[in-house]
Amino acid sequence: MVKPNRLSTVWIFALTALIVLSGCATRKYVRQQVQTLEPAIQEVSNATKENAERIDAVDRRAQQGITAAGAADTKAVAAQKTADGAQQAAVAADRKADTANQGVQQANNRIGTLETRIANLGDAYVEGEKQTVVFKVGSATLDDAAKGTLDKIASSLSGQRSGYMVELQGFTDNSGSEQYNIGLSQRRAQAVERYLVSKNVPLFRISIIGLGEDSPVADNKNREGRSQNRRVEVRVLKATGTKSTN
């Protein structure tokens, strides 16, 4: 007969062995299950990584698109400013053209008035030798040389009471605008007119016109040419058959 204490020891040993065997079996089972799930886990991990990369790529493209859109907006604004500037320049050019056309029309009107005045005199006139006086840049002031030339003209007319007309045509170089040059050429012709009147040439026998930079007599591309173009041409028109009475 087995003693109770020995029987208890046997049962305890058996139970312990059973638990150990059971634990080994459980770990083995878990390892098998984990090995079975590893491919699926790896696949999920790979898919997650690919999705993250796709999201990053989409974000980069979106950012690039935003940057490109901003650059396009900036270019559009700059283009609009350029277009506005061009429009303003075109309007200014149109205004200048209108002003120039008005100046040309005024000059044409003065020429027509002068021609009509001469035609209404009822006499046949011939042109004498043309005399020219020149001016400094932007000036309508007569220098000593110009006054000397005008003194000779006035002296040649001093003994004549009728039968002649004096025509004054003012000119400029091409330095200024069309409208400015017409005004300056007119002031130069007026300066010559005032001087001749001061030398007893009757005012009613003088006709003046400012023609701006028209009809240059020299090349405006060099200083010497421009100095020759800043001038007033003096023409004495005498009626045919008129004799000087000195």
Protein backbone atom coordinates (compact mmCIF):
# COMPACT_ATOMS: atom_id res chain seq x y z
CA MET A 1 0.00 0.00 0.00
CA VAL A 2 1.35 3.46 -1.06
CA LYS A 3 1.72 5.95 1.60
CA PRO A 4 -0.39 9.09 1.38
CA ASN A 5 2.57 11.46 1.26
CA ARG A 6 4.19 9.60 -1.56
CA LEU A 7 0.89 9.55 -3.44
CA SER A 8 0.57 13.29 -3.15
CA THR A 9 4.08 13.76 -4.45
CA VAL A 10 3.33 11.63 -7.48
CA TRP A 11 0.19 13.58 -8.27
CA ILE A 12 1.99 16.87 -7.91
CA PHE A 13 4.76 15.71 -10.24
CA ALA A 14 2.26 14.49 -12.78
CA LEU A 15 0.30 17.72 -12.68
CA THR A 16 3.43 19.77 -13.10
CA ALA A 17 4.53 17.70 -16.08
CA LEU A 18 1.11 18.10 -17.61
CA ILE A 19 1.24 21.89 -17.22
CA VAL A 20 4.75 22.06 -18.70
CA LEU A 21 3.75 19.90 -21.63
CA SER A 22 0.62 21.95 -22.09
CA GLY A 23 2.64 25.23 -22.07
CA CYS A 24 5.06 23.90 -24.63
CA ALA A 25 2.21 22.89 -26.83
CA THR A 26 0.60 26.33 -26.47
CA ARG A 27 3.82 28.22 -27.43
CA LYS A 28 4.30 25.97 -30.40
CA TYR A 29 0.77 26.67 -31.50
CA VAL A 30 1.23 30.39 -31.12
CA ARG A 31 4.44 30.28 -33.16
CA GLN A 32 2.67 28.37 -35.88
CA GLN A 33 -0.18 30.85 -35.94
CA VAL A 34 2.21 33.81 -36.03
CA GLN A 35 4.19 32.25 -38.87
CA THR A 36 0.94 31.77 -40.72
CA LEU A 37 -0.02 35.43 -40.25
CA GLU A 38 3.41 36.92 -41.06
CA PRO A 39 2.85 37.12 -44.88
CA ALA A 40 -0.45 38.90 -44.33
CA ILE A 41 1.13 41.25 -41.82
CA GLN A 42 4.01 41.98 -44.25
CA GLU A 43 1.54 42.58 -47.07
CA VAL A 44 -0.43 45.03 -44.93
CA SER A 45 2.82 46.77 -43.96
CA ASN A 46 3.90 47.04 -47.60
CA ALA A 47 0.49 48.36 -48.62
CA THR A 48 0.61 50.93 -45.84
CA LYS A 49 4.07 52.06 -46.96
CA GLU A 50 2.95 52.33 -50.61
CA ASN A 51 -0.10 54.33 -49.60
CA ALA A 52 2.08 56.68 -47.56
CA GLU A 53 4.39 57.16 -50.56
CA ARG A 54 1.40 57.82 -52.83
CA ILE A 55 0.05 60.38 -50.37
CA ASP A 56 3.47 62.09 -50.25
CA ALA A 57 3.62 62.16 -54.06
CA VAL A 58 0.13 63.64 -54.26
CA ASP A 59 1.07 66.25 -51.68
CA ARG A 60 4.17 67.19 -53.67
CA ARG A 61 2.18 67.50 -56.89
CA ALA A 62 -0.44 69.57 -55.11
CA GLN A 63 2.24 71.86 -53.72
CA GLN A 64 3.83 72.18 -57.15
CA GLY A 65 0.44 73.00 -58.60
CA ILE A 66 -0.15 75.67 -55.96
CA THR A 67 3.29 77.18 -56.64
CA ALA A 68 2.70 77.14 -60.39
CA ALA A 69 -0.72 78.73 -59.94
CA GLY A 70 0.84 81.48 -57.81
CA ALA A 71 3.50 82.12 -60.44
CA ALA A 72 0.83 82.22 -63.15
CA ASP A 73 -1.17 84.75 -61.12
CA THR A 74 1.95 86.91 -60.71
CA LYS A 75 2.65 86.77 -64.44
CA ALA A 76 -0.98 87.59 -65.18
CA VAL A 77 -0.82 90.65 -62.93
CA ALA A 78 2.44 91.78 -64.54
CA ALA A 79 0.97 91.25 -68.01
CA GLN A 80 -2.06 93.29 -67.08
CA LYS A 81 0.13 96.11 -65.80
CA THR A 82 2.12 96.00 -69.04
CA ALA A 83 -1.08 96.08 -71.06
CA ASP A 84 -2.37 99.03 -69.04
CA GLY A 85 0.93 100.86 -69.58
CA ALA A 86 0.79 100.17 -73.31
CA GLN A 87 -2.78 101.45 -73.42
CA GLN A 88 -1.81 104.64 -71.62
CA ALA A 89 1.16 105.11 -73.97
CA ALA A 90 -1.14 104.62 -76.96
CA VAL A 91 -3.57 107.21 -75.62
CA ALA A 92 -0.69 109.65 -75.02
CA ALA A 93 0.62 108.99 -78.54
CA ASP A 94 -2.84 109.65 -79.97
CA ARG A 95 -3.00 112.93 -78.09
CA LYS A 96 0.45 113.95 -79.37
CA ALA A 97 -0.59 113.02 -82.89
CA ASP A 98 -3.75 115.11 -82.55
CA THR A 99 -1.70 118.03 -81.25
CA ALA A 100 0.79 117.69 -84.09
CA ASN A 101 -2.03 117.52 -86.63
CA GLN A 102 -3.52 120.67 -85.15
CA GLY A 103 -0.14 122.38 -85.47
CA VAL A 104 0.18 121.31 -89.09
CA GLN A 105 -3.33 122.50 -89.79
CA GLN A 106 -2.56 125.86 -88.21
CA ALA A 107 0.55 126.17 -90.34
CA ASN A 108 -1.41 125.29 -93.46
CA ASN A 109 -3.99 127.89 -92.55
CA ARG A 110 -1.30 130.54 -92.16
CA ILE A 111 0.20 129.60 -95.50
CA GLY A 112 -3.21 129.86 -97.12
CA THR A 113 -3.77 133.27 -95.52
CA LEU A 114 -0.39 134.48 -96.75
CA GLU A 115 -1.00 133.24 -100.28
CA THR A 116 -4.44 134.82 -100.32
CA ARG A 117 -3.04 138.11 -99.06
CA ILE A 118 -0.43 138.21 -101.79
CA ALA A 119 -2.93 137.19 -104.46
CA ASN A 120 -5.33 139.94 -103.38
CA LEU A 121 -2.72 142.60 -103.92
CA GLY A 122 -3.45 142.36 -107.62
CA ASP A 123 0.22 142.71 -108.60
CA ALA A 124 2.70 140.26 -110.07
CA TYR A 125 5.58 139.79 -107.67
CA VAL A 126 9.01 138.37 -108.17
CA GLU A 127 11.22 137.08 -105.37
CA GLY A 128 14.44 138.84 -104.68
CA GLU A 129 17.54 137.27 -103.15
CA LYS A 130 16.75 135.29 -100.02
CA GLN A 131 18.51 136.34 -96.81
CA THR A 132 18.83 134.07 -93.74
CA VAL A 133 19.42 134.81 -90.06
CA VAL A 134 20.17 132.02 -87.60
CA PHE A 135 19.50 131.49 -83.88
CA LYS A 136 20.96 129.69 -80.90
CA VAL A 137 19.39 126.51 -79.49
CA GLY A 138 15.90 127.18 -78.11
CA SER A 139 16.30 130.94 -78.64
CA ALA A 140 14.32 133.57 -80.53
CA THR A 141 16.78 136.38 -79.77
CA LEU A 142 18.60 138.15 -82.58
CA ASP A 143 22.37 138.30 -82.27
CA ASP A 144 24.57 141.03 -83.76
CA ALA A 145 25.14 139.11 -86.99
CA ALA A 146 21.38 138.70 -87.52
CA LYS A 147 20.77 142.38 -86.81
CA GLY A 148 23.46 143.34 -89.33
CA THR A 149 21.75 141.27 -92.05
CA LEU A 150 18.35 142.81 -91.24
CA ASP A 151 19.82 146.32 -91.24
CA LYS A 152 20.93 145.80 -94.84
CA ILE A 153 17.47 144.57 -95.85
CA ALA A 154 15.73 147.50 -94.17
CA SER A 155 18.17 149.92 -95.80
CA SER A 156 17.44 148.50 -99.25
CA LEU A 157 13.71 149.11 -98.70
CA SER A 158 13.92 152.50 -97.05
CA GLY A 159 13.34 154.49 -100.25
CA GLN A 160 10.40 152.41 -101.47
CA ARG A 161 6.86 153.36 -100.50
CA SER A 162 5.06 150.63 -102.44
CA GLY A 163 5.45 147.68 -104.73
CA TYR A 164 6.99 145.18 -102.34
CA MET A 165 6.21 142.65 -99.61
CA VAL A 166 8.49 141.02 -97.06
CA GLU A 167 7.90 137.36 -96.31
CA LEU A 168 9.38 135.84 -93.15
CA GLN A 169 9.50 132.05 -92.67
CA GLY A 170 10.73 130.71 -89.33
CA PHE A 171 12.25 127.26 -88.85
CA THR A 172 13.84 125.06 -86.17
CA ASP A 173 15.96 121.94 -86.02
CA ASN A 174 14.34 118.63 -85.01
CA SER A 175 15.29 118.74 -81.32
CA GLY A 176 11.85 119.50 -79.83
CA SER A 177 8.31 118.26 -80.29
CA GLU A 178 6.27 119.22 -83.33
CA GLN A 179 4.07 121.66 -81.43
CA TYR A 180 7.00 123.26 -79.57
CA ASN A 181 8.99 123.72 -82.78
CA ILE A 182 6.09 125.39 -84.55
CA GLY A 183 5.73 127.85 -81.69
CA LEU A 184 9.48 128.52 -81.53
CA SER A 185 9.72 129.07 -85.27
CA GLN A 186 6.81 131.52 -85.03
CA ARG A 187 8.54 133.47 -82.25
CA ARG A 188 11.71 133.70 -84.32
CA ALA A 189 9.80 135.10 -87.27
CA GLN A 190 8.09 137.60 -84.95
CA ALA A 191 11.48 138.71 -83.59
CA VAL A 192 12.63 139.48 -87.13
CA GLU A 193 9.35 141.26 -87.84
CA ARG A 194 9.71 143.49 -84.77
CA TYR A 195 13.25 144.41 -85.73
CA LEU A 196 12.32 145.34 -89.32
CA VAL A 197 9.40 147.43 -88.09
CA SER A 198 11.80 149.22 -85.72
CA LYS A 199 13.83 150.05 -88.85
CA ASN A 200 10.81 151.71 -90.52
CA VAL A 201 9.61 148.80 -92.65
CA PRO A 202 5.78 149.10 -92.61
CA LEU A 203 4.10 146.34 -90.62
CA PHE A 204 1.37 145.80 -93.22
CA ARG A 205 4.05 144.89 -95.77
CA ILE A 206 5.37 142.01 -93.66
CA SER A 207 3.92 138.50 -93.58
CA ILE A 208 5.23 135.87 -91.17
CA ILE A 209 4.82 132.15 -90.65
CA GLY A 210 6.43 129.55 -88.40
CA LEU A 211 6.97 126.17 -90.04
CA GLY A 212 8.77 124.30 -87.25
CA GLU A 213 11.26 121.69 -88.39
CA ASP A 214 9.89 121.49 -91.96
CA SER A 215 12.16 122.02 -94.95
CA PRO A 216 15.59 121.59 -93.31
CA VAL A 217 18.47 123.01 -95.34
CA ALA A 218 21.06 120.76 -93.65
CA ASP A 219 21.33 117.41 -91.90
CA ASN A 220 19.86 117.43 -88.38
CA LYS A 221 22.12 114.54 -87.37
CA ASN A 222 25.08 116.81 -86.65
CA ARG A 223 25.61 120.09 -84.77
CA GLU A 224 26.55 122.14 -87.82
CA GLY A 225 23.47 121.02 -89.72
CA ARG A 226 21.15 121.79 -86.81
CA SER A 227 22.66 125.27 -86.42
CA GLN A 228 21.82 126.03 -90.07
CA ASN A 229 18.24 124.83 -89.63
CA ARG A 230 17.54 127.18 -86.69
CA ARG A 231 16.76 130.10 -88.97
CA VAL A 232 14.40 132.70 -90.38
CA GLU A 233 14.36 133.14 -94.14
CA VAL A 234 13.66 136.69 -95.35
CA ARG A 235 12.26 137.07 -98.86
CA VAL A 236 11.57 140.45 -100.42
CA LEU A 237 8.85 140.15 -103.06
CA LYS A 238 8.78 143.03 -105.51
CA ALA A 239 6.05 143.90 -107.96
CA THR A 240 7.17 143.66 -111.55
CA GLY A 241 8.00 147.02 -113.08
CA THR A 242 8.72 148.58 -109.66
CA LYS A 243 11.87 150.67 -109.45
CA SER A 244 13.74 151.66 -106.36
CA THR A 245 13.52 155.33 -105.44
CA ASN A 246 16.55 156.21 -103.37
